[in-house]
């Protein structure tokens, strides 16, 4: 009888502990992360930098399209660098907080996804205020909306890469090095490798291969989408005609959007799997 009583008491205690769990713990962790990150001076400086640069480009050019072309170059270089480096450093600095959360009756997936949602939301807010607001003020057309959408998707994808780089190594210096290598490959090295491949195999039909290679880099996908929206595909010559034919269609646009979503989901899924088994 005593054993049964103890067992029932244990069950009731477990039930009370489960009922005391906060509803939607993932969103609560994300809310705390957003509140903490938006108070960071670096994020505020990043938002102010984007706002000043965006307003300057649109005020210097009479044509909003030229302003967006100039702004595109900044977005494709600065945005991925800031997103992946800041997210990596902040996640390493949040390990003590995550250790505290793991001591609570919370699932690892809720803690991990809460951190991701908070980080992604904070950087998206900074980008939306710094770039989205000026773009909508000076050019509220579809091209401006595509520019903002590409920037948001790039932010999400590089934050996912940052989380993957962080869980791959417990050493902070090595993790930041992995993040910088990912940024360097996507923004600089990848284009050089594609050009070398096209030059080396110029005697072969590379139309489908070139289109396929574009899906291997989220920065390339964003660049192509914006150049097509700004009617600048002619600047890419024959390749631009290929991109116009494929990505300009509804099917091609849908496939490119799915590819950008894959660059967000797959690194994050891989990082979450590693975090579930990682010894914190």
Foldseek 3Di string as FASTA:
>chain_A
DVVVVVVVVVVVVVVVLVVPDDPLLLQVLLVVLLVVVLPDVVLVVLLVVLQVLLVVLPVVDPDVLRSVVVSLVCLLQVLLVCLQLVLLVVVLVCVVVVVVVVVGPDALLSNLSSNLNNSLVNNLVSLCNSQVVSLCVRPVDPLSVLLSVLSSLSSLLSSLVNLLLNLVDNDSVSSSVSSVVVSCCQRPVVVVVVVVVCVVPVVDDCLVVVVVSCLVHSSSLSVLVNCVVSVNLVVVPPNSVSSCVQCVDPVNVVVSVVSSVCSNPVSNVVSSVSSNPDDD
